[in-house]
Amino acid sequence: MQNPSLIVTVVRKGWGNTVLEASVKAGATGGTVLLGRGIGVNEKESIFGIPIEPEKEILLTLVPATAIDTVLQEIIRAADLNKPGHGLTFVVPVTSVLGIPHMKV
């Protein structure tokens, strides 16, 4: 894979599969969904005065540089990331990738 980048997407619990399917539809060859917890500025919820730490799903998607924009736009659309509290996505450059013999490295 030439010039790989890692797209990291953090969404509300239950949305990881939607984001994964959107990423694959846009040209990614797959992804990994991890579970996490956290709270953002738009998520200050509590029950009976006890703060709730919302559960999240974190999607890791490795893509070539040529696919970044297409995959990002599909993730934003699928997860409705333009709305507050729906999540975020960002790209991290990757210097080396091993263990993907099915892809051209």
Protein backbone atom coordinates (compact mmCIF):
# COMPACT_ATOMS: atom_id res chain seq x y z
CA MET A 1 0.00 0.00 0.00
CA GLN A 2 1.51 3.29 -1.07
CA ASN A 3 1.44 6.14 1.47
CA PRO A 4 -0.98 4.53 3.94
CA SER A 5 -2.94 6.59 6.45
CA LEU A 6 -5.08 5.57 9.38
CA ILE A 7 -8.55 7.04 9.61
CA VAL A 8 -9.72 7.01 13.23
CA THR A 9 -13.44 7.52 13.81
CA VAL A 10 -15.14 7.78 17.19
CA VAL A 11 -18.93 7.40 17.15
CA ARG A 12 -21.80 6.64 19.49
CA LYS A 13 -22.27 3.02 20.53
CA GLY A 14 -24.11 1.07 17.85
CA TRP A 15 -22.77 3.12 14.93
CA GLY A 16 -19.46 1.30 14.36
CA ASN A 17 -20.88 -1.19 11.87
CA THR A 18 -22.60 1.61 9.92
CA VAL A 19 -19.28 3.46 9.64
CA LEU A 20 -17.44 0.27 8.70
CA GLU A 21 -19.91 -0.51 5.91
CA ALA A 22 -19.69 3.08 4.63
CA SER A 23 -15.88 2.91 4.62
CA VAL A 24 -15.87 -0.32 2.62
CA LYS A 25 -18.45 1.10 0.21
CA ALA A 26 -16.11 4.07 -0.34
CA GLY A 27 -13.12 1.86 -1.14
CA ALA A 28 -11.54 0.76 2.14
CA THR A 29 -10.69 -2.93 2.30
CA GLY A 30 -11.90 -3.31 5.89
CA GLY A 31 -11.57 -1.89 9.36
CA THR A 32 -11.51 -2.67 13.06
CA VAL A 33 -14.15 -1.61 15.59
CA LEU A 34 -13.07 -1.15 19.22
CA LEU A 35 -15.20 -0.30 22.24
CA GLY A 36 -14.46 2.70 24.43
CA ARG A 37 -15.91 5.19 26.86
CA GLY A 38 -15.67 8.95 26.94
CA ILE A 39 -17.52 12.20 27.08
CA GLY A 40 -17.44 15.29 24.91
CA VAL A 41 -18.61 18.87 25.30
CA ASN A 42 -22.04 17.96 23.93
CA GLU A 43 -22.52 14.90 26.16
CA LYS A 44 -22.98 16.02 29.74
CA GLU A 45 -25.68 13.56 30.75
CA SER A 46 -26.60 12.36 34.21
CA ILE A 47 -29.24 10.26 35.93
CA PHE A 48 -30.28 11.33 39.42
CA GLY A 49 -27.23 13.59 39.54
CA ILE A 50 -24.81 10.76 38.71
CA PRO A 51 -22.73 11.52 35.61
CA ILE A 52 -22.94 9.01 32.75
CA GLU A 53 -19.86 8.15 30.74
CA PRO A 54 -21.25 7.31 27.29
CA GLU A 55 -19.95 4.23 25.49
CA LYS A 56 -18.28 4.76 22.13
CA GLU A 57 -17.15 2.71 19.18
CA ILE A 58 -13.78 3.50 17.63
CA LEU A 59 -13.19 2.49 14.04
CA LEU A 60 -9.66 2.09 12.67
CA THR A 61 -9.43 2.09 8.89
CA LEU A 62 -6.15 1.81 6.98
CA VAL A 63 -6.38 3.41 3.52
CA PRO A 64 -3.99 4.54 0.79
CA ALA A 65 -3.51 8.31 0.48
CA THR A 66 -5.56 8.34 -2.73
CA ALA A 67 -8.66 7.08 -0.88
CA ILE A 68 -8.60 9.36 2.18
CA ASP A 69 -11.01 12.04 0.97
CA THR A 70 -13.53 9.60 -0.49
CA VAL A 71 -13.61 7.41 2.61
CA LEU A 72 -13.78 10.42 4.97
CA GLN A 73 -16.73 11.94 3.13
CA GLU A 74 -18.63 8.65 3.27
CA ILE A 75 -17.89 8.28 7.01
CA ILE A 76 -19.10 11.84 7.67
CA ARG A 77 -22.28 11.19 5.71
CA ALA A 78 -23.02 7.78 7.23
CA ALA A 79 -22.41 8.80 10.86
CA ASP A 80 -23.89 12.29 10.45
CA LEU A 81 -20.72 13.77 11.93
CA ASN A 82 -21.74 17.33 11.04
CA LYS A 83 -24.13 17.27 14.04
CA PRO A 84 -22.87 17.95 17.59
CA GLY A 85 -22.40 14.85 19.74
CA HIS A 86 -22.38 12.38 16.85
CA GLY A 87 -18.64 11.75 16.90
CA LEU A 88 -15.45 12.75 15.16
CA THR A 89 -12.94 11.46 12.65
CA PHE A 90 -9.30 12.26 11.95
CA VAL A 91 -6.39 10.98 9.84
CA VAL A 92 -3.00 9.83 11.13
CA PRO A 93 -0.04 9.25 8.78
CA VAL A 94 1.44 5.74 8.88
CA THR A 95 5.11 5.12 8.19
CA SER A 96 5.09 1.32 8.02
CA VAL A 97 2.54 -1.47 7.59
CA LEU A 98 3.14 -5.20 8.03
CA GLY A 99 0.85 -8.21 8.04
CA ILE A 100 -1.34 -7.44 5.05
CA PRO A 101 -0.04 -9.80 2.35
CA HIS A 102 -3.37 -9.60 0.49
CA MET A 103 -2.70 -5.92 -0.28
CA LYS A 104 0.04 -4.44 -2.40
CA VAL A 105 2.65 -3.01 -0.05
